[in-house]
């Protein structure tokens, strides 16, 4: 019996030490994360930035579509899109993402930067148009195609982000387990309203 106790006792000590190290590590991770946003705060901030700019640009697009074709109004619309994408880039760059979405955040920054570049090129091209007959090139030409390609990447990322956020629902069962760090208990409910 003594031999069995000797073998089991060191294993129990190792398990207890490992649990203590994991618990201490979890506490340190949660304590160090004070300056970064929680996943909920981050997701809400991203959604707020995107929805505010999209809402404004969508309203401008509706006004433009409801009016007779006009070169100056179309140029103003594309200038507004450039301003909007600058706001998006600046707003997202200002956020400090939680560790679990750092890669997603970097991908968002990259896609928004490419969208901004594409929108700037289209706005610059729109400034060269002098007649209503040429406006179709602003909407269908190479610059517009570059914008559409960047928008498709943004839509794919939107669905990937929404999927990652929705997956936090699986954490519901861990919400009140005291030894699991709070960021691993967090259930996030936000909709990015990804376009179809």
N, C-alpha and C. Protein backbone atom coordinates (compact mmCIF):
# COMPACT_ATOMS: atom_id res chain seq x y z
N UNK A 1 0.82 -1.18 0.00
CA UNK A 1 0.00 0.00 0.00
C UNK A 1 0.86 1.25 0.00
N UNK A 2 1.97 1.21 0.68
CA UNK A 2 2.86 2.36 0.76
C UNK A 2 3.41 2.72 -0.61
N UNK A 3 3.74 1.73 -1.42
CA UNK A 3 4.25 1.98 -2.77
C UNK A 3 3.20 2.69 -3.62
N UNK A 4 1.97 2.25 -3.53
CA UNK A 4 0.88 2.88 -4.28
C UNK A 4 0.68 4.33 -3.85
N UNK A 5 0.76 4.60 -2.55
CA UNK A 5 0.59 5.97 -2.05
C UNK A 5 1.73 6.86 -2.53
N UNK A 6 2.93 6.33 -2.57
CA UNK A 6 4.10 7.09 -3.01
C UNK A 6 3.95 7.49 -4.48
N UNK A 7 3.45 6.60 -5.33
CA UNK A 7 3.28 6.87 -6.75
C UNK A 7 2.15 7.88 -6.96
N UNK A 8 1.03 7.73 -6.27
CA UNK A 8 -0.12 8.60 -6.45
C UNK A 8 0.16 10.00 -5.91
N UNK A 9 0.82 10.12 -4.80
CA UNK A 9 1.07 11.42 -4.17
C UNK A 9 1.83 12.38 -5.09
N UNK A 10 2.96 11.98 -5.74
CA UNK A 10 3.62 12.90 -6.66
C UNK A 10 2.73 13.30 -7.84
N UNK A 11 1.91 12.37 -8.30
CA UNK A 11 1.02 12.72 -9.41
C UNK A 11 0.00 13.76 -8.97
N UNK A 12 -0.53 13.61 -7.76
CA UNK A 12 -1.48 14.60 -7.25
C UNK A 12 -0.81 15.96 -7.11
N UNK A 13 0.43 15.95 -6.63
CA UNK A 13 1.16 17.22 -6.52
C UNK A 13 1.36 17.87 -7.88
N UNK A 14 1.69 17.06 -8.88
CA UNK A 14 1.87 17.61 -10.23
C UNK A 14 0.56 18.19 -10.76
N UNK A 15 -0.53 17.47 -10.55
CA UNK A 15 -1.83 17.96 -11.01
C UNK A 15 -2.18 19.25 -10.31
N UNK A 16 -1.95 19.30 -8.97
CA UNK A 16 -2.25 20.51 -8.21
C UNK A 16 -1.37 21.67 -8.68
N UNK A 17 -0.08 21.39 -8.91
CA UNK A 17 0.83 22.45 -9.41
C UNK A 17 0.39 22.93 -10.79
N UNK A 18 0.04 21.99 -11.66
CA UNK A 18 -0.38 22.37 -13.00
C UNK A 18 -1.65 23.22 -12.94
N UNK A 19 -2.60 22.82 -12.08
CA UNK A 19 -3.82 23.60 -11.93
C UNK A 19 -3.50 25.00 -11.39
N UNK A 20 -2.59 25.07 -10.41
CA UNK A 20 -2.21 26.36 -9.83
C UNK A 20 -1.54 27.24 -10.90
N UNK A 21 -0.67 26.67 -11.72
CA UNK A 21 -0.01 27.43 -12.78
C UNK A 21 -1.03 27.91 -13.80
N UNK A 22 -1.97 27.05 -14.20
CA UNK A 22 -3.00 27.45 -15.15
C UNK A 22 -3.90 28.54 -14.58
N UNK A 23 -4.28 28.39 -13.32
CA UNK A 23 -5.14 29.40 -12.69
C UNK A 23 -4.41 30.73 -12.59
N UNK A 24 -3.12 30.68 -12.20
CA UNK A 24 -2.34 31.91 -12.10
C UNK A 24 -2.17 32.53 -13.48
N UNK A 25 -1.91 31.71 -14.49
CA UNK A 25 -1.79 32.22 -15.86
C UNK A 25 -3.07 32.88 -16.33
N UNK A 26 -4.20 32.27 -16.02
CA UNK A 26 -5.49 32.85 -16.41
C UNK A 26 -5.71 34.18 -15.70
N UNK A 27 -5.36 34.24 -14.42
CA UNK A 27 -5.52 35.51 -13.69
C UNK A 27 -4.62 36.59 -14.28
N UNK A 28 -3.38 36.22 -14.60
CA UNK A 28 -2.46 37.20 -15.18
C UNK A 28 -2.96 37.68 -16.54
N UNK A 29 -3.45 36.76 -17.35
CA UNK A 29 -3.96 37.15 -18.67
C UNK A 29 -5.14 38.11 -18.52
N UNK A 30 -6.04 37.81 -17.60
CA UNK A 30 -7.19 38.70 -17.45
C UNK A 30 -6.78 40.02 -16.83
N UNK A 31 -5.78 40.02 -15.98
CA UNK A 31 -5.32 41.27 -15.37
C UNK A 31 -4.57 42.13 -16.39
N UNK A 32 -3.81 41.49 -17.29
CA UNK A 32 -3.04 42.25 -18.27
C UNK A 32 -3.92 42.85 -19.35
N UNK A 33 -5.11 42.33 -19.53
CA UNK A 33 -5.97 42.79 -20.62
C UNK A 33 -6.77 44.03 -20.29
N UNK A 34 -6.39 44.79 -19.28
CA UNK A 34 -7.18 45.93 -18.85
C UNK A 34 -7.27 47.05 -19.87
N UNK A 35 -6.25 47.25 -20.68
CA UNK A 35 -6.25 48.36 -21.63
C UNK A 35 -6.96 48.03 -22.93
N UNK A 36 -7.07 46.76 -23.26
CA UNK A 36 -7.73 46.40 -24.50
C UNK A 36 -9.23 46.24 -24.26
N UNK A 37 -9.95 46.32 -25.34
CA UNK A 37 -11.40 46.18 -25.28
C UNK A 37 -11.76 44.71 -25.09
N UNK A 38 -12.89 44.46 -24.47
CA UNK A 38 -13.41 43.09 -24.45
C UNK A 38 -13.91 42.79 -25.86
N UNK A 39 -14.19 41.53 -26.12
CA UNK A 39 -14.68 41.14 -27.44
C UNK A 39 -16.02 41.82 -27.73
N UNK A 40 -16.87 41.93 -26.72
CA UNK A 40 -18.16 42.63 -26.90
C UNK A 40 -17.95 44.10 -27.22
N UNK A 41 -17.09 44.75 -26.45
CA UNK A 41 -16.83 46.18 -26.68
C UNK A 41 -16.22 46.40 -28.06
N UNK A 42 -15.27 45.55 -28.41
CA UNK A 42 -14.63 45.66 -29.72
C UNK A 42 -15.65 45.46 -30.84
N UNK A 43 -16.45 44.41 -30.74
CA UNK A 43 -17.44 44.12 -31.78
C UNK A 43 -18.45 45.24 -31.91
N UNK A 44 -18.90 45.76 -30.78
CA UNK A 44 -19.84 46.89 -30.81
C UNK A 44 -19.20 48.12 -31.45
N UNK A 45 -17.93 48.37 -31.13
CA UNK A 45 -17.23 49.53 -31.70
C UNK A 45 -17.07 49.41 -33.21
N UNK A 46 -16.68 48.22 -33.67
CA UNK A 46 -16.54 47.99 -35.11
C UNK A 46 -17.89 48.18 -35.80
N UNK A 47 -18.93 47.58 -35.23
CA UNK A 47 -20.26 47.69 -35.83
C UNK A 47 -20.71 49.15 -35.87
N UNK A 48 -20.46 49.90 -34.81
CA UNK A 48 -20.86 51.31 -34.75
C UNK A 48 -20.17 52.12 -35.83
N UNK A 49 -18.86 51.93 -35.98
CA UNK A 49 -18.10 52.67 -36.99
C UNK A 49 -18.62 52.34 -38.39
N UNK A 50 -18.76 51.06 -38.67
CA UNK A 50 -19.17 50.64 -40.02
C UNK A 50 -20.61 51.07 -40.32
N UNK A 51 -21.50 50.85 -39.39
CA UNK A 51 -22.91 51.17 -39.64
C UNK A 51 -23.12 52.67 -39.79
N UNK A 52 -22.41 53.48 -39.01
CA UNK A 52 -22.60 54.94 -39.13
C UNK A 52 -22.15 55.44 -40.50
N UNK A 53 -21.02 54.95 -40.98
CA UNK A 53 -20.53 55.38 -42.30
C UNK A 53 -21.41 54.80 -43.40
N UNK A 54 -21.73 53.51 -43.31
CA UNK A 54 -22.58 52.89 -44.33
C UNK A 54 -23.94 53.56 -44.43
N UNK A 55 -24.53 53.89 -43.30
CA UNK A 55 -25.85 54.53 -43.30
C UNK A 55 -25.80 55.86 -44.05
N UNK A 56 -24.77 56.64 -43.76
CA UNK A 56 -24.62 57.94 -44.43
C UNK A 56 -24.40 57.78 -45.93
N UNK A 57 -23.52 56.85 -46.31
CA UNK A 57 -23.22 56.65 -47.73
C UNK A 57 -24.42 56.05 -48.47
N UNK A 58 -25.16 55.16 -47.81
CA UNK A 58 -26.36 54.60 -48.44
C UNK A 58 -27.40 55.69 -48.69
N UNK A 59 -27.57 56.59 -47.73
CA UNK A 59 -28.53 57.68 -47.91
C UNK A 59 -28.11 58.58 -49.07
N UNK A 60 -26.81 58.84 -49.17
CA UNK A 60 -26.30 59.66 -50.28
C UNK A 60 -26.54 58.95 -51.61
N UNK A 61 -26.32 57.64 -51.64
CA UNK A 61 -26.54 56.86 -52.87
C UNK A 61 -28.01 56.89 -53.28
N UNK A 62 -28.90 56.81 -52.30
CA UNK A 62 -30.35 56.88 -52.62
C UNK A 62 -30.73 58.23 -53.20
N UNK A 63 -30.18 59.30 -52.64
CA UNK A 63 -30.46 60.64 -53.18
C UNK A 63 -29.93 60.76 -54.61
N UNK A 64 -28.74 60.24 -54.84
CA UNK A 64 -28.14 60.30 -56.17
C UNK A 64 -28.97 59.49 -57.17
N UNK A 65 -29.42 58.30 -56.78
CA UNK A 65 -30.21 57.45 -57.67
C UNK A 65 -31.58 58.05 -57.97
N UNK A 66 -32.12 58.81 -57.04
CA UNK A 66 -33.46 59.40 -57.22
C UNK A 66 -33.43 60.63 -58.13
N UNK A 67 -32.28 61.23 -58.30
CA UNK A 67 -32.15 62.45 -59.10
C UNK A 67 -31.76 62.10 -60.53
N UNK A 68 -31.91 63.05 -61.41
CA UNK A 68 -31.45 62.89 -62.79
C UNK A 68 -29.93 62.80 -62.80
N UNK A 69 -29.36 62.02 -63.74
CA UNK A 69 -27.89 61.92 -63.80
C UNK A 69 -27.24 63.30 -63.88
N UNK A 70 -26.19 63.47 -63.08
CA UNK A 70 -25.53 64.76 -62.99
C UNK A 70 -24.06 64.51 -62.66
N UNK A 71 -23.17 65.07 -63.47
CA UNK A 71 -21.74 64.84 -63.30
C UNK A 71 -21.25 65.35 -61.95
N UNK A 72 -21.61 66.59 -61.60
CA UNK A 72 -21.11 67.18 -60.35
C UNK A 72 -21.62 66.42 -59.13
N UNK A 73 -22.89 66.01 -59.17
CA UNK A 73 -23.46 65.26 -58.04
C UNK A 73 -22.79 63.88 -57.90
N UNK A 74 -22.50 63.27 -59.03
CA UNK A 74 -21.82 61.97 -59.01
C UNK A 74 -20.41 62.12 -58.46
N UNK A 75 -19.71 63.15 -58.89
CA UNK A 75 -18.37 63.40 -58.37
C UNK A 75 -18.41 63.66 -56.86
N UNK A 76 -19.40 64.42 -56.41
CA UNK A 76 -19.55 64.69 -54.98
C UNK A 76 -19.82 63.40 -54.20
N UNK A 77 -20.60 62.50 -54.80
CA UNK A 77 -20.89 61.22 -54.17
C UNK A 77 -19.61 60.41 -53.97
N UNK A 78 -18.77 60.34 -55.02
CA UNK A 78 -17.54 59.57 -54.90
C UNK A 78 -16.54 60.24 -53.95
N UNK A 79 -16.55 61.55 -53.89
CA UNK A 79 -15.74 62.25 -52.89
C UNK A 79 -16.21 61.90 -51.48
N UNK A 80 -17.53 61.81 -51.30
CA UNK A 80 -18.09 61.45 -50.00
C UNK A 80 -17.71 60.02 -49.62
N UNK A 81 -17.66 59.14 -50.61
CA UNK A 81 -17.24 57.76 -50.32
C UNK A 81 -15.79 57.72 -49.86
N UNK A 82 -14.94 58.54 -50.46
CA UNK A 82 -13.54 58.59 -50.02
C UNK A 82 -13.48 59.09 -48.58
N UNK A 83 -14.24 60.12 -48.27
CA UNK A 83 -14.28 60.64 -46.90
C UNK A 83 -14.77 59.54 -45.95
N UNK A 84 -15.81 58.83 -46.35
CA UNK A 84 -16.35 57.75 -45.52
C UNK A 84 -15.33 56.65 -45.27
N UNK A 85 -14.59 56.26 -46.30
CA UNK A 85 -13.60 55.21 -46.10
C UNK A 85 -12.41 55.69 -45.29
N UNK A 86 -12.09 56.97 -45.35
CA UNK A 86 -11.08 57.51 -44.44
C UNK A 86 -11.58 57.39 -43.00
N UNK A 87 -12.86 57.70 -42.77
CA UNK A 87 -13.44 57.56 -41.43
C UNK A 87 -13.39 56.11 -40.96
N UNK A 88 -13.70 55.19 -41.85
CA UNK A 88 -13.64 53.77 -41.49
C UNK A 88 -12.23 53.34 -41.13
N UNK A 89 -11.27 53.69 -41.97
CA UNK A 89 -9.88 53.31 -41.71
C UNK A 89 -9.42 53.91 -40.38
N UNK A 90 -9.67 55.19 -40.17
CA UNK A 90 -9.25 55.84 -38.93
C UNK A 90 -9.95 55.24 -37.71
N UNK A 91 -11.26 54.99 -37.85
CA UNK A 91 -12.02 54.43 -36.74
C UNK A 91 -11.56 53.05 -36.34
N UNK A 92 -11.29 52.21 -37.32
CA UNK A 92 -10.84 50.84 -37.03
C UNK A 92 -9.39 50.85 -36.53
N UNK A 93 -8.55 51.71 -37.12
CA UNK A 93 -7.16 51.79 -36.66
C UNK A 93 -7.07 52.24 -35.20
N UNK A 94 -8.03 53.01 -34.74
CA UNK A 94 -8.00 53.52 -33.37
C UNK A 94 -8.38 52.46 -32.33
N UNK A 95 -8.94 51.33 -32.77
CA UNK A 95 -9.37 50.30 -31.84
C UNK A 95 -8.21 49.38 -31.47
N UNK A 96 -8.20 48.96 -30.23
CA UNK A 96 -7.22 47.98 -29.74
C UNK A 96 -7.97 46.65 -29.57
N UNK A 97 -7.79 45.71 -30.51
CA UNK A 97 -8.59 44.49 -30.46
C UNK A 97 -8.15 43.55 -29.34
N UNK A 98 -9.08 42.76 -28.84
CA UNK A 98 -8.68 41.72 -27.88
C UNK A 98 -7.85 40.66 -28.60
N UNK A 99 -7.05 39.93 -27.86
CA UNK A 99 -6.13 38.96 -28.44
C UNK A 99 -6.80 37.97 -29.39
N UNK A 100 -8.01 37.56 -29.06
CA UNK A 100 -8.64 36.51 -29.86
C UNK A 100 -9.05 36.96 -31.26
N UNK A 101 -9.03 38.26 -31.55
CA UNK A 101 -9.40 38.73 -32.89
C UNK A 101 -8.33 39.63 -33.51
N UNK A 102 -7.10 39.52 -33.05
CA UNK A 102 -6.02 40.35 -33.59
C UNK A 102 -5.84 40.10 -35.09
N UNK A 103 -5.86 38.84 -35.51
CA UNK A 103 -5.68 38.53 -36.93
C UNK A 103 -6.86 39.03 -37.75
N UNK A 104 -8.05 38.88 -37.23
CA UNK A 104 -9.25 39.37 -37.90
C UNK A 104 -9.20 40.90 -38.04
N UNK A 105 -8.74 41.55 -36.99
CA UNK A 105 -8.61 43.01 -37.00
C UNK A 105 -7.60 43.45 -38.07
N UNK A 106 -6.48 42.75 -38.14
CA UNK A 106 -5.46 43.08 -39.15
C UNK A 106 -6.02 42.88 -40.56
N UNK A 107 -6.80 41.82 -40.76
CA UNK A 107 -7.42 41.59 -42.07
C UNK A 107 -8.41 42.70 -42.39
N UNK A 108 -9.18 43.14 -41.40
CA UNK A 108 -10.12 44.23 -41.60
C UNK A 108 -9.39 45.51 -41.98
N UNK A 109 -8.30 45.80 -41.29
CA UNK A 109 -7.51 46.99 -41.62
C UNK A 109 -6.99 46.92 -43.05
N UNK A 110 -6.52 45.76 -43.45
CA UNK A 110 -5.97 45.59 -44.80
C UNK A 110 -7.05 45.77 -45.87
N UNK A 111 -8.21 45.17 -45.64
CA UNK A 111 -9.30 45.28 -46.62
C UNK A 111 -9.81 46.71 -46.69
N UNK A 112 -9.96 47.38 -45.55
CA UNK A 112 -10.42 48.77 -45.58
C UNK A 112 -9.42 49.68 -46.28
N UNK A 113 -8.13 49.40 -46.08
CA UNK A 113 -7.11 50.20 -46.77
C UNK A 113 -7.20 49.99 -48.29
N UNK A 114 -7.44 48.74 -48.72
CA UNK A 114 -7.56 48.50 -50.17
C UNK A 114 -8.84 49.11 -50.72
N UNK A 115 -9.92 49.10 -49.92
CA UNK A 115 -11.15 49.77 -50.34
C UNK A 115 -10.94 51.27 -50.48
N UNK A 116 -10.25 51.85 -49.54
CA UNK A 116 -9.96 53.29 -49.60
C UNK A 116 -9.15 53.62 -50.85
N UNK A 117 -8.14 52.83 -51.13
CA UNK A 117 -7.32 53.05 -52.32
C UNK A 117 -8.16 52.95 -53.59
N UNK A 118 -9.02 51.93 -53.65
CA UNK A 118 -9.89 51.75 -54.82
C UNK A 118 -10.88 52.90 -54.95
N UNK A 119 -11.45 53.35 -53.83
CA UNK A 119 -12.39 54.47 -53.87
C UNK A 119 -11.69 55.77 -54.29
N UNK A 120 -10.47 55.96 -53.83
CA UNK A 120 -9.71 57.16 -54.24
C UNK A 120 -9.46 57.16 -55.74
N UNK A 121 -9.11 55.98 -56.28
CA UNK A 121 -8.86 55.88 -57.72
C UNK A 121 -10.15 56.15 -58.50
N UNK A 122 -11.28 55.63 -58.02
CA UNK A 122 -12.54 55.86 -58.72
C UNK A 122 -12.95 57.33 -58.63
N UNK A 123 -12.76 57.95 -57.48
CA UNK A 123 -13.09 59.37 -57.33
C UNK A 123 -12.21 60.23 -58.24
N UNK A 124 -10.93 59.87 -58.35
CA UNK A 124 -10.02 60.61 -59.23
C UNK A 124 -10.46 60.46 -60.68
N UNK A 125 -10.86 59.25 -61.07
CA UNK A 125 -11.34 59.05 -62.43
C UNK A 125 -12.63 59.83 -62.66
N UNK A 126 -13.52 59.84 -61.68
CA UNK A 126 -14.79 60.56 -61.82
C UNK A 126 -14.55 62.04 -62.08
N UNK A 127 -13.47 62.58 -61.55
CA UNK A 127 -13.15 64.00 -61.76
C UNK A 127 -12.77 64.29 -63.21
N UNK A 128 -12.39 63.25 -63.97
CA UNK A 128 -12.02 63.45 -65.37
C UNK A 128 -13.23 63.41 -66.30
N UNK A 129 -14.37 62.98 -65.78
CA UNK A 129 -15.59 62.87 -66.59
C UNK A 129 -16.21 64.25 -66.72
N UNK A 130 -16.62 64.58 -67.95
CA UNK A 130 -17.19 65.92 -68.16
C UNK A 130 -18.62 65.90 -68.69
N UNK A 131 -19.15 64.71 -68.99
CA UNK A 131 -20.52 64.66 -69.51
C UNK A 131 -21.28 63.48 -68.89
N UNK A 132 -22.59 63.60 -68.90
CA UNK A 132 -23.46 62.55 -68.37
C UNK A 132 -23.24 61.25 -69.14
N UNK A 133 -22.98 61.35 -70.42
CA UNK A 133 -22.78 60.16 -71.24
C UNK A 133 -21.57 59.34 -70.78
N UNK A 134 -20.61 59.97 -70.16
CA UNK A 134 -19.39 59.28 -69.71
C UNK A 134 -19.54 58.66 -68.32
N UNK A 135 -20.64 58.96 -67.64
CA UNK A 135 -20.80 58.49 -66.26
C UNK A 135 -20.82 56.97 -66.15
N UNK A 136 -21.27 56.27 -67.19
CA UNK A 136 -21.30 54.81 -67.10
C UNK A 136 -19.91 54.23 -66.86
N UNK A 137 -18.88 54.91 -67.35
CA UNK A 137 -17.51 54.44 -67.13
C UNK A 137 -17.10 54.55 -65.65
N UNK A 138 -17.66 55.53 -64.96
CA UNK A 138 -17.37 55.68 -63.53
C UNK A 138 -18.00 54.51 -62.76
N UNK A 139 -19.16 54.06 -63.22
CA UNK A 139 -19.88 52.99 -62.53
C UNK A 139 -19.45 51.60 -62.99
N UNK A 140 -18.92 51.47 -64.21
CA UNK A 140 -18.63 50.15 -64.76
C UNK A 140 -17.18 49.94 -65.18
N UNK A 141 -16.39 50.97 -65.21
CA UNK A 141 -15.01 50.88 -65.69
C UNK A 141 -14.08 50.13 -64.74
N UNK A 142 -12.80 50.10 -65.07
CA UNK A 142 -11.82 49.35 -64.27
C UNK A 142 -11.75 49.80 -62.81
N UNK A 143 -11.91 51.10 -62.57
CA UNK A 143 -11.86 51.60 -61.20
C UNK A 143 -13.04 51.06 -60.39
N UNK A 144 -14.21 51.03 -61.03
CA UNK A 144 -15.40 50.49 -60.36
C UNK A 144 -15.23 48.98 -60.11
N UNK A 145 -14.62 48.27 -61.06
CA UNK A 145 -14.39 46.84 -60.88
C UNK A 145 -13.43 46.58 -59.71
N UNK A 146 -12.43 47.44 -59.55
CA UNK A 146 -11.50 47.31 -58.42
C UNK A 146 -12.23 47.52 -57.09
N UNK A 147 -13.16 48.48 -57.08
CA UNK A 147 -13.96 48.71 -55.86
C UNK A 147 -14.80 47.47 -55.57
N UNK A 148 -15.45 46.91 -56.59
CA UNK A 148 -16.29 45.72 -56.38
C UNK A 148 -15.48 44.53 -55.86
N UNK A 149 -14.28 44.36 -56.39
CA UNK A 149 -13.43 43.26 -55.93
C UNK A 149 -13.08 43.44 -54.45
N UNK A 150 -12.74 44.66 -54.07
CA UNK A 150 -12.42 44.93 -52.66
C UNK A 150 -13.66 44.77 -51.78
N UNK A 151 -14.82 45.17 -52.30
CA UNK A 151 -16.06 45.00 -51.53
C UNK A 151 -16.39 43.53 -51.32
N UNK A 152 -16.13 42.69 -52.32
CA UNK A 152 -16.37 41.25 -52.16
C UNK A 152 -15.48 40.67 -51.07
N UNK A 153 -14.23 41.11 -51.00
CA UNK A 153 -13.35 40.66 -49.93
C UNK A 153 -13.89 41.13 -48.57
N UNK A 154 -14.38 42.35 -48.51
CA UNK A 154 -14.94 42.88 -47.27
C UNK A 154 -16.17 42.08 -46.84
N UNK A 155 -16.99 41.68 -47.79
CA UNK A 155 -18.19 40.88 -47.48
C UNK A 155 -17.78 39.52 -46.93
N UNK A 156 -16.79 38.89 -47.56
CA UNK A 156 -16.30 37.59 -47.06
C UNK A 156 -15.79 37.73 -45.63
N UNK A 157 -15.04 38.79 -45.37
CA UNK A 157 -14.51 39.01 -44.02
C UNK A 157 -15.65 39.28 -43.04
N UNK A 158 -16.66 39.99 -43.48
CA UNK A 158 -17.80 40.27 -42.62
C UNK A 158 -18.45 38.97 -42.16
N UNK A 159 -18.68 38.05 -43.08
CA UNK A 159 -19.29 36.77 -42.71
C UNK A 159 -18.36 35.95 -41.81
N UNK A 160 -17.06 36.00 -42.06
CA UNK A 160 -16.12 35.28 -41.20
C UNK A 160 -16.14 35.87 -39.79
N UNK A 161 -16.17 37.19 -39.70
CA UNK A 161 -16.22 37.86 -38.38
C UNK A 161 -17.52 37.53 -37.68
N UNK A 162 -18.64 37.58 -38.41
CA UNK A 162 -19.92 37.27 -37.79
C UNK A 162 -19.94 35.83 -37.29
N UNK A 163 -19.34 34.93 -38.06
CA UNK A 163 -19.27 33.53 -37.62
C UNK A 163 -18.46 33.38 -36.35
N UNK A 164 -17.34 34.10 -36.27
CA UNK A 164 -16.50 34.03 -35.08
C UNK A 164 -17.24 34.61 -33.87
N UNK A 165 -17.95 35.70 -34.08
CA UNK A 165 -18.72 36.30 -32.98
C UNK A 165 -19.86 35.36 -32.57
N UNK A 166 -20.57 34.82 -33.54
CA UNK A 166 -21.68 33.92 -33.23
C UNK A 166 -21.22 32.67 -32.49
N UNK A 167 -19.98 32.24 -32.74
CA UNK A 167 -19.44 31.05 -32.07
C UNK A 167 -19.28 31.25 -30.57
N UNK A 168 -19.28 32.49 -30.11
CA UNK A 168 -19.17 32.72 -28.67
C UNK A 168 -20.41 32.24 -27.93
N UNK A 169 -21.50 31.98 -28.66
CA UNK A 169 -22.70 31.41 -28.04
C UNK A 169 -22.38 30.08 -27.36
N UNK A 170 -21.38 29.35 -27.89
CA UNK A 170 -20.99 28.07 -27.31
C UNK A 170 -20.42 28.22 -25.91
N UNK A 171 -20.05 29.44 -25.52
CA UNK A 171 -19.47 29.68 -24.20
C UNK A 171 -20.53 29.84 -23.11
N UNK A 172 -21.78 29.84 -23.50
CA UNK A 172 -22.87 30.10 -22.55
C UNK A 172 -22.75 29.23 -21.29
N UNK A 173 -22.38 27.98 -21.45
CA UNK A 173 -22.27 27.07 -20.31
C UNK A 173 -21.14 27.40 -19.36
N UNK A 174 -20.19 28.22 -19.78
CA UNK A 174 -19.04 28.55 -18.94
C UNK A 174 -19.14 29.93 -18.29
N UNK A 175 -20.28 30.59 -18.45
CA UNK A 175 -20.42 31.99 -18.01
C UNK A 175 -20.16 32.20 -16.53
N UNK A 176 -20.43 31.21 -15.71
CA UNK A 176 -20.30 31.42 -14.27
C UNK A 176 -19.31 30.45 -13.62
N UNK A 177 -18.39 29.93 -14.42
CA UNK A 177 -17.36 29.06 -13.88
C UNK A 177 -16.21 29.97 -13.42
N UNK A 178 -15.97 30.02 -12.11
CA UNK A 178 -15.06 31.03 -11.58
C UNK A 178 -13.61 30.93 -12.03
N UNK A 179 -13.10 29.75 -12.35
CA UNK A 179 -11.70 29.64 -12.69
C UNK A 179 -11.41 29.85 -14.18
N UNK A 180 -12.44 30.02 -15.00
CA UNK A 180 -12.24 30.32 -16.43
C UNK A 180 -12.19 31.83 -16.59
N UNK A 181 -11.15 32.35 -17.25
CA UNK A 181 -11.02 33.81 -17.41
C UNK A 181 -12.27 34.42 -18.05
N UNK A 182 -12.57 35.62 -17.66
CA UNK A 182 -13.80 36.27 -18.12
C UNK A 182 -13.86 36.38 -19.64
N UNK A 183 -12.71 36.62 -20.31
CA UNK A 183 -12.76 36.75 -21.77
C UNK A 183 -13.12 35.44 -22.44
N UNK A 184 -12.91 34.30 -21.75
CA UNK A 184 -13.29 33.01 -22.32
C UNK A 184 -14.72 32.63 -21.95
N UNK A 185 -15.36 33.43 -21.08
CA UNK A 185 -16.76 33.22 -20.73
C UNK A 185 -17.67 34.14 -21.54
N UNK A 186 -17.08 35.12 -22.18
CA UNK A 186 -17.86 36.18 -22.81
C UNK A 186 -18.67 35.66 -24.00
N UNK A 187 -19.95 35.93 -23.97
CA UNK A 187 -20.84 35.64 -25.09
C UNK A 187 -21.16 36.97 -25.75
N UNK A 188 -20.91 37.08 -27.04
CA UNK A 188 -21.09 38.34 -27.75
C UNK A 188 -22.30 38.23 -28.66
N UNK A 189 -23.15 39.22 -28.56
CA UNK A 189 -24.32 39.27 -29.44
C UNK A 189 -24.31 40.60 -30.17
N UNK A 190 -23.85 40.55 -31.40
CA UNK A 190 -23.83 41.76 -32.24
C UNK A 190 -24.02 41.30 -33.67
N UNK A 191 -24.66 42.15 -34.46
CA UNK A 191 -24.85 41.84 -35.87
C UNK A 191 -24.13 42.88 -36.70
N UNK A 192 -23.28 42.43 -37.62
CA UNK A 192 -22.57 43.34 -38.51
C UNK A 192 -23.39 43.67 -39.76
N UNK A 193 -24.58 43.09 -39.86
CA UNK A 193 -25.46 43.33 -41.01
C UNK A 193 -24.72 43.14 -42.33
N UNK A 194 -24.08 41.99 -42.47
CA UNK A 194 -23.30 41.70 -43.68
C UNK A 194 -24.22 41.71 -44.90
N UNK A 195 -23.80 42.36 -45.97
CA UNK A 195 -24.62 42.38 -47.18
C UNK A 195 -24.64 41.00 -47.83
N UNK A 196 -25.65 40.77 -48.64
CA UNK A 196 -25.77 39.47 -49.31
C UNK A 196 -25.16 39.53 -50.68
